[in-house]
Amino acid sequence: MKLSAEQTAFAERLGHHFRDPELLIRALTHSSIGSPTRPDNQRLEFLGDRVLGLVMAEALLTADPDAPEGQLAPRFNALVRKETCAAVARDCDLGAVLRLGRSEMISGGRRKEALLGDAMEAVIAAVYRDGGLEAARKIILRHWSRRLETVEADSRDAKTALQEWAQARRLPPPSYVEVGRSGPDHAPVFTIEARLETGQSARAEAPSKRGAEQQAAAALLDRLE
């Protein structure tokens, strides 16, 4: 099986030449279009998550040999979480080559954070199966390098930081309320308000509820600080 022109261009953006093109095709195949004769990417996603974790753990230990586990753990979590994988997927335009069923295509699947994050992990596994750990490490470090350099500042997501702020002042955890939704069904935009018991609040918009919650929490933290 040969790669299409679009898939070949994606492999070039990724930085890996596939000896077995079928591995990449499978990594790009969502379960909504999978079948007994067309395997989807779920098993590869499972493997890719573990490969990414190993490479990130090693990279963090190398980058900061003296950091205790308590500092390494939040940095690790920030680098391997689904939002980060989805952001990397957007950087290399993975969504453009995702193979989706009709329902997912209509509902904007190429932009969905969960689908992009899962597919990025599957692509990592495809590279690992095709070229081994060194090949996988090469593409991971290539696409995560900027995030590795800035992870100290981003190691705590905004929602966690806001909750810790509230706990330190003996306040209940913040709440997140959907106060608006706009756009078509296949590409909605959510408006979320982060609220504290003190009455302080902030709003943000994003294509996903999770993203809007994070941005609202960040906006509220900015006001508090």
Protein backbone atom coordinates (compact mmCIF):
# COMPACT_ATOMS: atom_id res chain seq x y z
CA MET A 1 0.00 0.00 0.00
CA LYS A 2 1.35 3.40 -1.00
CA LEU A 3 0.96 6.73 0.72
CA SER A 4 -1.10 9.42 -0.95
CA ALA A 5 0.55 12.70 -1.87
CA GLU A 6 -0.98 14.32 1.22
CA GLN A 7 0.23 11.50 3.49
CA THR A 8 3.71 11.68 1.95
CA ALA A 9 3.80 15.41 2.63
CA PHE A 10 2.74 14.78 6.22
CA ALA A 11 5.52 12.19 6.67
CA GLU A 12 7.98 14.81 5.44
CA ARG A 13 6.64 17.37 7.92
CA LEU A 14 6.91 14.73 10.61
CA GLY A 15 10.50 13.95 9.66
CA HIS A 16 10.34 10.18 9.12
CA HIS A 17 10.48 8.08 5.95
CA PHE A 18 8.26 5.02 6.43
CA ARG A 19 9.62 1.74 5.16
CA ASP A 20 6.17 0.27 5.87
CA PRO A 21 3.65 2.90 4.74
CA GLU A 22 0.75 0.84 6.07
CA LEU A 23 1.81 1.72 9.62
CA LEU A 24 1.28 5.43 8.98
CA ILE A 25 -2.02 4.78 7.18
CA ARG A 26 -3.25 2.80 10.17
CA ALA A 27 -2.11 5.53 12.58
CA LEU A 28 -4.20 8.04 10.65
CA THR A 29 -7.33 5.85 10.56
CA HIS A 30 -9.95 6.78 13.16
CA SER A 31 -12.27 4.15 14.59
CA SER A 32 -15.24 5.84 12.87
CA ILE A 33 -13.99 4.45 9.55
CA GLY A 34 -12.26 1.30 10.82
CA SER A 35 -13.36 -2.20 9.83
CA PRO A 36 -12.02 -5.78 9.96
CA THR A 37 -10.17 -5.08 6.72
CA ARG A 38 -9.23 -1.50 7.66
CA PRO A 39 -7.64 -1.50 11.15
CA ASP A 40 -7.98 1.74 13.12
CA ASN A 41 -5.38 3.51 15.24
CA GLN A 42 -6.54 2.60 18.75
CA ARG A 43 -3.92 -0.07 19.43
CA LEU A 44 -1.17 2.17 18.07
CA GLU A 45 -2.45 5.01 20.27
CA PHE A 46 -2.03 2.74 23.32
CA LEU A 47 1.59 2.02 22.38
CA GLY A 48 2.43 5.57 21.35
CA ASP A 49 1.36 6.94 24.70
CA ARG A 50 3.94 4.72 26.40
CA VAL A 51 6.71 5.53 23.91
CA LEU A 52 6.09 9.26 24.35
CA GLY A 53 6.17 8.86 28.12
CA LEU A 54 9.52 7.07 28.05
CA VAL A 55 11.16 9.61 25.75
CA MET A 56 9.82 12.57 27.74
CA ALA A 57 10.91 11.07 31.06
CA GLU A 58 14.44 10.53 29.73
CA ALA A 59 14.55 14.00 28.18
CA LEU A 60 13.53 15.65 31.44
CA LEU A 61 16.13 13.72 33.44
CA THR A 62 18.81 14.72 30.93
CA ALA A 63 17.74 18.37 30.83
CA ASP A 64 17.76 18.78 34.62
CA PRO A 65 19.91 16.10 36.33
CA ASP A 66 19.39 17.60 39.81
CA ALA A 67 15.60 18.11 39.75
CA PRO A 68 13.69 16.08 42.35
CA GLU A 69 10.76 13.89 41.40
CA GLY A 70 8.35 16.49 42.77
CA GLN A 71 9.50 18.96 40.10
CA LEU A 72 9.79 16.44 37.29
CA ALA A 73 6.31 14.96 37.63
CA PRO A 74 4.28 18.10 36.77
CA ARG A 75 6.62 18.90 33.88
CA PHE A 76 6.16 15.37 32.57
CA ASN A 77 2.39 15.58 32.86
CA ALA A 78 2.37 18.89 30.97
CA LEU A 79 4.40 17.40 28.11
CA VAL A 80 2.43 14.18 27.59
CA ARG A 81 -1.15 15.30 28.24
CA LYS A 82 -3.69 15.10 25.43
CA GLU A 83 -3.80 18.87 24.93
CA THR A 84 -0.06 18.98 24.22
CA CYS A 85 -0.27 16.06 21.80
CA ALA A 86 -3.12 17.82 20.00
CA ALA A 87 -1.11 21.04 19.79
CA VAL A 88 1.81 19.15 18.21
CA ALA A 89 -0.64 17.52 15.79
CA ARG A 90 -1.87 20.97 14.76
CA ASP A 91 1.69 22.19 14.27
CA CYS A 92 2.31 19.49 11.65
CA ASP A 93 -1.24 19.67 10.22
CA LEU A 94 -2.09 16.09 11.11
CA GLY A 95 -5.81 16.85 10.93
CA ALA A 96 -5.58 17.33 7.16
CA VAL A 97 -4.67 13.66 6.65
CA LEU A 98 -6.87 12.01 9.28
CA ARG A 99 -9.09 9.28 7.83
CA LEU A 100 -12.53 9.77 9.33
CA GLY A 101 -16.03 8.40 8.96
CA ARG A 102 -18.70 10.65 7.52
CA SER A 103 -20.23 11.50 10.91
CA GLU A 104 -16.89 12.60 12.35
CA MET A 105 -16.09 14.64 9.26
CA ILE A 106 -19.42 16.45 9.46
CA SER A 107 -18.94 17.16 13.18
CA GLY A 108 -15.52 18.74 12.64
CA GLY A 109 -13.42 15.75 13.66
CA ARG A 110 -10.28 17.12 12.02
CA ARG A 111 -10.23 19.89 14.63
CA LYS A 112 -11.25 17.88 17.70
CA GLU A 113 -8.62 17.91 20.40
CA ALA A 114 -9.18 14.32 21.50
CA LEU A 115 -8.97 12.93 17.97
CA LEU A 116 -5.82 14.92 17.19
CA GLY A 117 -4.13 13.94 20.44
CA ASP A 118 -4.96 10.25 19.99
CA ALA A 119 -3.77 10.29 16.38
CA MET A 120 -0.49 11.96 17.33
CA GLU A 121 0.19 9.19 19.83
CA ALA A 122 -0.66 6.61 17.15
CA VAL A 123 1.76 8.26 14.72
CA ILE A 124 4.51 8.05 17.35
CA ALA A 125 3.81 4.33 17.69
CA ALA A 126 3.89 3.92 13.90
CA VAL A 127 7.34 5.51 13.78
CA TYR A 128 8.46 3.29 16.67
CA ARG A 129 7.22 0.13 14.94
CA ASP A 130 8.75 1.22 11.64
CA GLY A 131 12.14 2.45 12.77
CA GLY A 132 12.63 1.57 16.44
CA LEU A 133 13.04 3.66 19.56
CA GLU A 134 15.73 5.94 18.15
CA ALA A 135 13.53 6.93 15.23
CA ALA A 136 10.65 7.64 17.59
CA ARG A 137 12.90 9.62 19.93
CA LYS A 138 14.12 11.71 16.99
CA ILE A 139 10.67 12.82 15.88
CA ILE A 140 9.42 13.35 19.45
CA LEU A 141 12.36 15.56 20.42
CA ARG A 142 12.04 17.41 17.11
CA HIS A 143 8.39 18.30 17.66
CA TRP A 144 8.47 18.70 21.45
CA SER A 145 11.76 20.64 21.69
CA ARG A 146 10.20 24.07 22.20
CA ARG A 147 7.85 22.69 24.82
CA LEU A 148 10.72 21.01 26.63
CA GLU A 149 12.45 24.37 26.87
CA THR A 150 9.39 26.15 28.29
CA VAL A 151 7.82 23.38 30.37
CA GLU A 152 8.99 24.92 33.65
CA ALA A 153 6.60 27.82 33.14
CA ASP A 154 3.81 25.63 31.78
CA SER A 155 4.14 22.63 34.11
CA ARG A 156 0.94 23.44 35.97
CA ASP A 157 -2.16 23.91 33.91
CA ALA A 158 -4.26 26.97 34.74
CA LYS A 159 -7.13 25.02 36.31
CA THR A 160 -4.76 23.28 38.72
CA ALA A 161 -3.05 26.56 39.58
CA LEU A 162 -6.40 28.27 40.23
CA GLN A 163 -7.56 25.42 42.44
CA GLU A 164 -4.34 25.59 44.44
CA TRP A 165 -4.81 29.36 44.79
CA ALA A 166 -8.28 28.79 46.21
CA GLN A 167 -7.18 25.99 48.55
CA ALA A 168 -4.38 28.15 49.95
CA ARG A 169 -7.04 30.66 51.02
CA ARG A 170 -9.41 28.01 52.39
CA LEU A 171 -11.90 28.55 49.58
CA PRO A 172 -13.93 25.85 47.82
CA PRO A 173 -12.64 24.76 44.39
CA PRO A 174 -13.57 27.09 41.52
CA SER A 175 -16.57 26.24 39.38
CA TYR A 176 -16.81 26.33 35.60
CA VAL A 177 -20.12 27.27 34.01
CA GLU A 178 -21.02 27.18 30.34
CA VAL A 179 -22.61 30.57 29.74
CA GLY A 180 -22.76 30.51 25.95
CA ARG A 181 -22.34 28.48 22.82
CA SER A 182 -22.15 29.75 19.27
CA GLY A 183 -21.26 28.56 15.80
CA PRO A 184 -22.55 25.57 13.83
CA ASP A 185 -22.89 22.11 15.38
CA HIS A 186 -19.81 20.84 13.58
CA ALA A 187 -17.63 23.71 14.81
CA PRO A 188 -19.02 25.07 18.10
CA VAL A 189 -17.41 27.78 20.21
CA PHE A 190 -17.96 27.49 23.95
CA THR A 191 -17.99 30.37 26.42
CA ILE A 192 -17.03 29.28 29.92
CA GLU A 193 -16.97 31.36 33.09
CA ALA A 194 -14.58 30.42 35.90
CA ARG A 195 -16.02 31.45 39.28
CA LEU A 196 -14.77 31.63 42.84
CA GLU A 197 -16.96 31.68 45.92
CA THR A 198 -15.77 35.25 46.53
CA GLY A 199 -17.64 36.34 43.40
CA GLN A 200 -14.54 36.89 41.29
CA SER A 201 -14.86 35.47 37.78
CA ALA A 202 -13.52 35.52 34.24
CA ARG A 203 -14.75 34.26 30.88
CA ALA A 204 -13.10 32.74 27.84
CA GLU A 205 -14.07 31.21 24.49
CA ALA A 206 -12.59 28.16 22.76
CA PRO A 207 -13.60 25.39 20.33
CA SER A 208 -13.71 22.89 23.22
CA LYS A 209 -15.11 23.10 26.74
CA ARG A 210 -11.81 21.96 28.22
CA GLY A 211 -9.89 24.60 26.33
CA ALA A 212 -12.34 27.32 27.35
CA GLU A 213 -12.10 26.23 30.99
CA GLN A 214 -8.31 26.43 30.89
CA GLN A 215 -8.37 29.87 29.30
CA ALA A 216 -10.99 31.14 31.75
CA ALA A 217 -8.91 29.86 34.66
CA ALA A 218 -5.80 31.58 33.24
CA ALA A 219 -7.73 34.83 32.79
CA LEU A 220 -8.99 34.71 36.37
CA LEU A 221 -5.49 34.00 37.69
CA ASP A 222 -4.21 37.05 35.84
CA ARG A 223 -6.80 39.19 37.58
CA LEU A 224 -6.06 37.71 40.98
CA GLU A 225 -2.31 38.17 40.64
